[in-house]
């Protein structure tokens, strides 16, 4: 319903922002990690949730973070409050790293996220990691370059597929990553095989 709101910050708290737009104060729930100022004019990217018993407006500093929030809502058992908790406990980059690495323990550091929910997030977002890595350029969301961690994990998988144990593969790839461009998967795998 609303793509974004632009107006003056009327009030700011840890997870709440009141934005005055044309004389109307919009009360938005925002992630704890958001960097909204205490005063001044801002643009807030929004997501509107209508329930039988409430209407809630969620606000984000950029469109890419809002897309991560919306992607989290596609996870079985994750609603707006849990998605907001995830974005309050982890930055977008930290969430992507956790999903790529399959790091459920990192997700459980977020208050309110248990092991079952963390496993479900990893399962449901594994194929959507590119959407999580989107960045905004000139008002358009585009996928960002793969993270260093993703390339390392892909190289480890490649070595495992040709017979290395996971422990040995990880050791070889980590050693190769110190001296090789990790953005080039082929070079990374070759260096790991030679190391």
Foldseek 3Di string as FASTA:
>chain_A
DDQKAKAWFPADDQQWTWGADPNDTDIAGEASPADDDGTDIAMWGWDWDDDPVDIHIHTHRDPLLVLQLVLQCVQPPDDNVNSSQQCNQDPLVRVLLCLLVVPLVSSVVRPPDDSVNSNSSSVSCNVVSQSSQWDDDPNDTDGDQDDLSNLLVVLLVVVVVVPDDSVLSSVLLVVLVVPDDSSDSVSSNVSSVVD
